[in-house]
C-alpha atoms as a PDB file:
ATOM      1  CA  TYR A   1     108.460 -57.540 175.253  1.00  0.00           C
ATOM      2  CA  MET A   2     111.193 -57.616 177.810  1.00  0.00           C
ATOM      3  CA  ILE A   3     114.145 -57.360 175.427  1.00  0.00           C
ATOM      4  CA  HIS A   4     117.454 -58.542 176.875  1.00  0.00           C
ATOM      5  CA  GLY A   5     120.364 -56.845 175.131  1.00  0.00           C
ATOM      6  CA  ALA A   6     120.504 -54.773 171.983  1.00  0.00           C
ATOM      7  CA  THR A   7     118.545 -55.927 168.954  1.00  0.00           C
ATOM      8  CA  GLU A   8     117.773 -54.819 165.433  1.00  0.00           C
ATOM      9  CA  VAL A   9     114.791 -53.212 163.727  1.00  0.00           C
ATOM     10  CA  TYR A  10     113.802 -53.766 160.121  1.00  0.00           C
ATOM     11  CA  LEU A  11     111.668 -51.159 158.365  1.00  0.00           C
ATOM     12  CA  VAL A  12     109.966 -52.597 155.297  1.00  0.00           C
ATOM     13  CA  CYS A  13     108.940 -49.760 153.004  1.00  0.00           C
ATOM     14  CA  GLY A  14     106.382 -50.426 150.292  1.00  0.00           C
ATOM     15  CA  ASN A  15     107.340 -47.594 147.958  1.00  0.00           C
ATOM     16  CA  ASP A  16     110.393 -45.583 146.915  1.00  0.00           C
ATOM     17  CA  ALA A  17     109.283 -42.279 148.447  1.00  0.00           C
ATOM     18  CA  LEU A  18     108.804 -43.886 151.870  1.00  0.00           C
ATOM     19  CA  PHE A  19     112.074 -45.789 151.551  1.00  0.00           C
ATOM     20  CA  ASN A  20     113.939 -42.541 150.777  1.00  0.00           C
ATOM     21  CA  LEU A  21     112.272 -40.777 153.704  1.00  0.00           C
ATOM     22  CA  MET A  22     113.103 -43.591 156.136  1.00  0.00           C
ATOM     23  CA  GLU A  23     116.635 -43.733 154.786  1.00  0.00           C
ATOM     24  CA  SER A  24     117.123 -40.031 155.507  1.00  0.00           C
ATOM     25  CA  GLN A  25     115.729 -40.480 159.033  1.00  0.00           C
ATOM     26  CA  ALA A  26     117.260 -43.851 159.986  1.00  0.00           C
ATOM     27  CA  ALA A  27     119.926 -42.349 162.253  1.00  0.00           C
ATOM     28  CA  LEU A  28     117.306 -40.276 164.070  1.00  0.00           C
ATOM     29  CA  ILE A  29     115.019 -43.300 164.452  1.00  0.00           C
ATOM     30  CA  GLN A  30     117.869 -45.313 165.930  1.00  0.00           C
ATOM     31  CA  SER A  31     118.845 -42.497 168.262  1.00  0.00           C
ATOM     32  CA  LEU A  32     115.283 -42.040 169.508  1.00  0.00           C
ATOM     33  CA  SER A  33     114.867 -45.802 169.972  1.00  0.00           C
ATOM     34  CA  GLY A  34     117.473 -45.896 172.725  1.00  0.00           C
ATOM     35  CA  LYS A  35     120.295 -48.284 173.484  1.00  0.00           C
ATOM     36  CA  GLN A  36     118.185 -51.389 172.924  1.00  0.00           C
ATOM     37  CA  ILE A  37     118.244 -50.887 169.135  1.00  0.00           C
ATOM     38  CA  SER A  38     121.673 -51.612 167.684  1.00  0.00           C
ATOM     39  CA  ALA A  39     120.668 -51.107 164.044  1.00  0.00           C
ATOM     40  CA  VAL A  40     117.839 -49.823 161.881  1.00  0.00           C
ATOM     41  CA  ASN A  41     117.739 -51.779 158.630  1.00  0.00           C
ATOM     42  CA  LEU A  42     115.749 -50.601 155.615  1.00  0.00           C
ATOM     43  CA  GLU A  43     114.191 -53.127 153.276  1.00  0.00           C
ATOM     44  CA  ARG A  44     111.888 -52.937 150.276  1.00  0.00           C
ATOM     45  CA  THR A  45     110.448 -56.420 150.859  1.00  0.00           C
ATOM     46  CA  THR A  46     110.314 -58.919 153.712  1.00  0.00           C
ATOM     47  CA  ASN A  47     112.734 -61.268 151.910  1.00  0.00           C
ATOM     48  CA  ASN A  48     115.725 -60.105 153.970  1.00  0.00           C
ATOM     49  CA  VAL A  49     113.898 -59.831 157.299  1.00  0.00           C
ATOM     50  CA  PRO A  50     115.102 -62.651 159.546  1.00  0.00           C
ATOM     51  CA  LYS A  51     112.768 -65.126 161.190  1.00  0.00           C
ATOM     52  CA  GLY A  52     112.069 -64.460 164.843  1.00  0.00           C
ATOM     53  CA  CYS A  53     110.760 -60.918 164.495  1.00  0.00           C
ATOM     54  CA  ALA A  54     107.701 -59.307 166.033  1.00  0.00           C
ATOM     55  CA  VAL A  55     105.877 -57.146 163.513  1.00  0.00           C
ATOM     56  CA  ALA A  56     103.827 -53.964 163.710  1.00  0.00           C
ATOM     57  CA  ASN A  57     102.068 -52.820 160.546  1.00  0.00           C
ATOM     58  CA  ILE A  58     102.188 -49.043 160.680  1.00  0.00           C
ATOM     59  CA  SER A  59     100.407 -48.469 157.379  1.00  0.00           C
ATOM     60  CA  GLU A  60      99.818 -50.176 154.048  1.00  0.00           C
ATOM     61  CA  SER A  61     103.306 -49.097 153.047  1.00  0.00           C
ATOM     62  CA  LEU A  62     105.311 -49.480 156.265  1.00  0.00           C
ATOM     63  CA  SER A  63     105.907 -52.436 158.559  1.00  0.00           C
ATOM     64  CA  VAL A  64     108.313 -52.501 161.484  1.00  0.00           C
ATOM     65  CA  PHE A  65     109.966 -55.785 162.416  1.00  0.00           C
ATOM     66  CA  LEU A  66     111.717 -56.118 165.783  1.00  0.00           C
ATOM     67  CA  LEU A  67     114.148 -59.003 166.079  1.00  0.00           C
ATOM     68  CA  VAL A  68     113.174 -60.731 169.317  1.00  0.00           C
ATOM     69  CA  ARG A  69     114.642 -64.193 168.696  1.00  0.00           C
ATOM     70  CA  GLY A  70     117.310 -64.757 171.319  1.00  0.00           C
ATOM     71  CA  HIS A  71     116.273 -61.624 173.212  1.00  0.00           C
ATOM     72  CA  VAL A  72     112.966 -62.670 174.750  1.00  0.00           C
ATOM     73  CA  ASP A  73     112.231 -65.370 177.301  1.00  0.00           C
ATOM     74  CA  VAL A  74     109.436 -67.071 175.377  1.00  0.00           C
ATOM     75  CA  SER A  75     108.298 -69.248 178.291  1.00  0.00           C
ATOM     76  CA  ALA A  76     107.984 -66.182 180.551  1.00  0.00           C
ATOM     77  CA  GLU A  77     105.990 -64.343 177.881  1.00  0.00           C
ATOM     78  CA  LEU A  78     103.706 -67.376 177.460  1.00  0.00           C
ATOM     79  CA  LYS A  79     103.137 -67.529 181.220  1.00  0.00           C
ATOM     80  CA  LYS A  80     102.158 -63.848 181.215  1.00  0.00           C
ATOM     81  CA  LEU A  81      99.719 -64.395 178.366  1.00  0.00           C
ATOM     82  CA  GLU A  82      98.236 -67.497 180.011  1.00  0.00           C
ATOM     83  CA  SER A  83      97.746 -65.500 183.214  1.00  0.00           C
ATOM     84  CA  LYS A  84      96.006 -62.696 181.307  1.00  0.00           C
ATOM     85  CA  ILE A  85      93.758 -65.216 179.558  1.00  0.00           C
ATOM     86  CA  ALA A  86      92.839 -66.840 182.873  1.00  0.00           C
ATOM     87  CA  LYS A  87      91.988 -63.462 184.437  1.00  0.00           C
ATOM     88  CA  THR A  88      89.937 -62.474 181.400  1.00  0.00           C
ATOM     89  CA  ASN A  89      88.040 -65.761 181.498  1.00  0.00           C
ATOM     90  CA  GLN A  90      87.309 -65.239 185.204  1.00  0.00           C
ATOM     91  CA  SER A  91      85.993 -61.752 184.471  1.00  0.00           C
ATOM     92  CA  ILE A  92      83.815 -63.064 181.661  1.00  0.00           C
ATOM     93  CA  GLU A  93      82.379 -65.802 183.870  1.00  0.00           C
ATOM     94  CA  ALA A  94      81.672 -63.367 186.716  1.00  0.00           C
ATOM     95  CA  LEU A  95      79.916 -61.021 184.299  1.00  0.00           C
ATOM     96  CA  ARG A  96      77.870 -63.920 182.888  1.00  0.00           C
ATOM     97  CA  LYS A  97      76.737 -64.847 186.375  1.00  0.00           C
ATOM     98  CA  LYS A  98      75.718 -61.267 187.097  1.00  0.00           C
ATOM     99  CA  THR A  99      73.776 -60.844 183.889  1.00  0.00           C
ATOM    100  CA  THR A 100      71.928 -64.168 183.995  1.00  0.00           C
ATOM    101  CA  ILE A 101      70.286 -63.761 187.395  1.00  0.00           C
ATOM    102  CA  PRO A 102      66.476 -63.851 187.379  1.00  0.00           C
ATOM    103  CA  ASP A 103      64.933 -60.415 186.816  1.00  0.00           C
ATOM    104  CA  TYR A 104      68.297 -58.903 185.826  1.00  0.00           C
ATOM    105  CA  GLN A 105      66.592 -56.378 183.558  1.00  0.00           C
ATOM    106  CA  THR A 106      64.269 -55.122 186.305  1.00  0.00           C
ATOM    107  CA  ARG A 107      66.454 -55.450 189.413  1.00  0.00           C
ATOM    108  CA  VAL A 108      69.664 -53.871 188.110  1.00  0.00           C
ATOM    109  CA  ARG A 109      69.913 -50.160 187.420  1.00  0.00           C
ATOM    110  CA  GLU A 110      70.169 -49.044 183.792  1.00  0.00           C
ATOM    111  CA  ALA A 111      73.627 -47.485 184.294  1.00  0.00           C
ATOM    112  CA  VAL A 112      74.989 -50.750 185.718  1.00  0.00           C
ATOM    113  CA  ARG A 113      73.460 -52.769 182.878  1.00  0.00           C
ATOM    114  CA  GLN A 114      75.017 -50.432 180.325  1.00  0.00           C
ATOM    115  CA  ALA A 115      78.428 -50.734 182.011  1.00  0.00           C
ATOM    116  CA  ASN A 116      78.084 -54.515 181.972  1.00  0.00           C
ATOM    117  CA  ASP A 117      77.103 -54.430 178.298  1.00  0.00           C
ATOM    118  CA  GLU A 118      80.238 -52.437 177.503  1.00  0.00           C
ATOM    119  CA  LYS A 119      82.442 -54.960 179.304  1.00  0.00           C
END
């Protein structure tokens, strides 16, 4: 995301040992995160995590929530995603056309067919 201004991170820890570890390293995490992160908040549950966060599940016991509400231009992000979808759909259609020509299996080299299969 293109974050505009400083925002907060919420670390939701699923057990006490992880919570204690994250608590001891919170200042380091914030320092390594750069100026865009104004605070690293530790939580045991998602109850205190505000709405408007992007989430990354690191493990069964750790989730990272990044507060993006008010910091991200949602319409610009949607336009980017729509553009990516359109390009992907064009690629899929072009690949379909290539692979459905008559005698595809006999006219196209094995290496090219394998590359197309991987796509």
